[in-house]
C-alpha atoms as a PDB file:
ATOM      1  CA  MET A   1      81.420 105.124 171.189  1.00  0.00           C
ATOM      2  CA  ALA A   2      81.744 107.970 173.669  1.00  0.00           C
ATOM      3  CA  MET A   3      85.505 108.140 173.277  1.00  0.00           C
ATOM      4  CA  GLU A   4      85.076 108.841 169.564  1.00  0.00           C
ATOM      5  CA  SER A   5      82.391 111.481 170.158  1.00  0.00           C
ATOM      6  CA  SER A   6      82.798 115.160 170.835  1.00  0.00           C
ATOM      7  CA  VAL A   7      82.561 116.442 174.397  1.00  0.00           C
ATOM      8  CA  ASP A   8      79.197 117.997 173.582  1.00  0.00           C
ATOM      9  CA  VAL A   9      77.763 114.666 172.434  1.00  0.00           C
ATOM     10  CA  ARG A  10      79.145 112.941 175.518  1.00  0.00           C
ATOM     11  CA  LEU A  11      77.634 115.483 177.885  1.00  0.00           C
ATOM     12  CA  GLN A  12      74.284 115.929 176.159  1.00  0.00           C
ATOM     13  CA  PHE A  13      73.433 112.491 174.831  1.00  0.00           C
ATOM     14  CA  ILE A  14      75.541 109.707 176.356  1.00  0.00           C
ATOM     15  CA  LEU A  15      76.135 110.840 179.931  1.00  0.00           C
ATOM     16  CA  PRO A  16      72.445 111.098 180.920  1.00  0.00           C
ATOM     17  CA  TYR A  17      72.009 107.384 180.157  1.00  0.00           C
ATOM     18  CA  VAL A  18      75.139 106.457 182.084  1.00  0.00           C
ATOM     19  CA  LEU A  19      74.141 108.530 185.121  1.00  0.00           C
ATOM     20  CA  GLN A  20      70.689 106.936 185.069  1.00  0.00           C
ATOM     21  CA  LEU A  21      72.420 103.602 185.654  1.00  0.00           C
ATOM     22  CA  PHE A  22      73.835 104.993 188.920  1.00  0.00           C
ATOM     23  CA  GLN A  23      70.347 104.359 190.349  1.00  0.00           C
ATOM     24  CA  ASP A  24      70.059 100.743 189.206  1.00  0.00           C
ATOM     25  CA  ASP A  25      69.277  98.115 191.834  1.00  0.00           C
ATOM     26  CA  ASN A  26      72.149  95.890 190.712  1.00  0.00           C
ATOM     27  CA  SER A  27      75.513  96.781 192.287  1.00  0.00           C
ATOM     28  CA  ARG A  28      77.484  95.551 189.293  1.00  0.00           C
ATOM     29  CA  VAL A  29      75.493  97.791 186.943  1.00  0.00           C
ATOM     30  CA  LYS A  30      76.250 100.789 189.176  1.00  0.00           C
ATOM     31  CA  ALA A  31      79.938  99.896 189.315  1.00  0.00           C
ATOM     32  CA  LYS A  32      80.158  99.551 185.519  1.00  0.00           C
ATOM     33  CA  ALA A  33      78.351 102.884 185.090  1.00  0.00           C
ATOM     34  CA  ILE A  34      80.957 104.533 187.317  1.00  0.00           C
ATOM     35  CA  GLU A  35      83.732 102.990 185.265  1.00  0.00           C
ATOM     36  CA  VAL A  36      82.150 104.111 181.983  1.00  0.00           C
ATOM     37  CA  ALA A  37      81.561 107.660 183.260  1.00  0.00           C
ATOM     38  CA  ILE A  38      85.183 107.982 184.336  1.00  0.00           C
ATOM     39  CA  HIS A  39      86.611 106.527 181.128  1.00  0.00           C
ATOM     40  CA  MET A  40      84.313 108.692 179.044  1.00  0.00           C
ATOM     41  CA  PHE A  41      86.137 111.796 180.247  1.00  0.00           C
ATOM     42  CA  LYS A  42      89.616 110.369 180.756  1.00  0.00           C
ATOM     43  CA  ASP A  43      90.962 111.892 177.561  1.00  0.00           C
ATOM     44  CA  ILE A  44      89.664 115.296 178.642  1.00  0.00           C
ATOM     45  CA  MET A  45      91.561 115.041 181.910  1.00  0.00           C
ATOM     46  CA  ASP A  46      94.699 113.739 180.179  1.00  0.00           C
ATOM     47  CA  LYS A  47      94.681 116.366 177.431  1.00  0.00           C
ATOM     48  CA  ALA A  48      93.002 119.329 179.058  1.00  0.00           C
ATOM     49  CA  TYR A  49      94.915 121.719 176.815  1.00  0.00           C
ATOM     50  CA  ILE A  50      93.078 120.335 173.747  1.00  0.00           C
ATOM     51  CA  THR A  51      89.547 120.598 175.077  1.00  0.00           C
ATOM     52  CA  THR A  52      87.841 123.761 176.148  1.00  0.00           C
ATOM     53  CA  LEU A  53      84.483 123.561 177.844  1.00  0.00           C
ATOM     54  CA  SER A  54      81.854 126.213 177.450  1.00  0.00           C
ATOM     55  CA  ALA A  55      80.498 127.850 180.589  1.00  0.00           C
ATOM     56  CA  THR A  56      77.334 125.772 180.229  1.00  0.00           C
ATOM     57  CA  ASP A  57      79.286 122.520 179.975  1.00  0.00           C
ATOM     58  CA  PHE A  58      81.459 123.469 182.911  1.00  0.00           C
ATOM     59  CA  LYS A  59      78.371 123.921 185.093  1.00  0.00           C
ATOM     60  CA  VAL A  60      77.147 120.468 184.084  1.00  0.00           C
ATOM     61  CA  PHE A  61      80.015 118.995 186.081  1.00  0.00           C
ATOM     62  CA  ASP A  62      79.143 121.026 189.201  1.00  0.00           C
ATOM     63  CA  ASN A  63      75.374 120.766 188.964  1.00  0.00           C
ATOM     64  CA  TYR A  64      74.840 117.318 187.472  1.00  0.00           C
ATOM     65  CA  ILE A  65      77.828 114.967 187.405  1.00  0.00           C
ATOM     66  CA  LEU A  66      79.462 115.599 190.773  1.00  0.00           C
ATOM     67  CA  PRO A  67      76.157 115.395 192.706  1.00  0.00           C
ATOM     68  CA  ALA A  68      75.473 112.018 191.069  1.00  0.00           C
ATOM     69  CA  PHE A  69      78.832 110.738 192.277  1.00  0.00           C
ATOM     70  CA  LEU A  70      78.215 112.192 195.754  1.00  0.00           C
ATOM     71  CA  ARG A  71      74.898 110.313 195.990  1.00  0.00           C
ATOM     72  CA  LEU A  72      76.744 107.107 195.163  1.00  0.00           C
ATOM     73  CA  LYS A  73      79.331 107.882 197.814  1.00  0.00           C
ATOM     74  CA  ASN A  74      76.586 108.361 200.393  1.00  0.00           C
ATOM     75  CA  GLU A  75      74.942 105.086 199.360  1.00  0.00           C
ATOM     76  CA  SER A  76      78.225 103.181 199.583  1.00  0.00           C
ATOM     77  CA  ALA A  77      77.608 102.482 203.276  1.00  0.00           C
ATOM     78  CA  ARG A  78      74.774 100.175 202.198  1.00  0.00           C
ATOM     79  CA  ASP A  79      76.496  98.773 199.137  1.00  0.00           C
ATOM     80  CA  SER A  80      80.156  97.966 199.644  1.00  0.00           C
ATOM     81  CA  TYR A  81      80.545  96.649 196.077  1.00  0.00           C
ATOM     82  CA  VAL A  82      79.965 100.092 194.615  1.00  0.00           C
END
């Protein structure tokens, strides 16, 4: 569903639910959430010339998405599956 949605919908409505799953107790849920988050923005990375992000959306990556991934990286010492 995310792949068919606009970047705004992905960032504002879908991504918060996916990032919430980064904190799940189940390692497989966390791993699937990582996979979904990456695939959700794969087309943006592949076709960057098509998509332009507003300044607000750009800051979402720095202030919201990347810190969530960094927390997972720090937790990976306890959870090798993730």
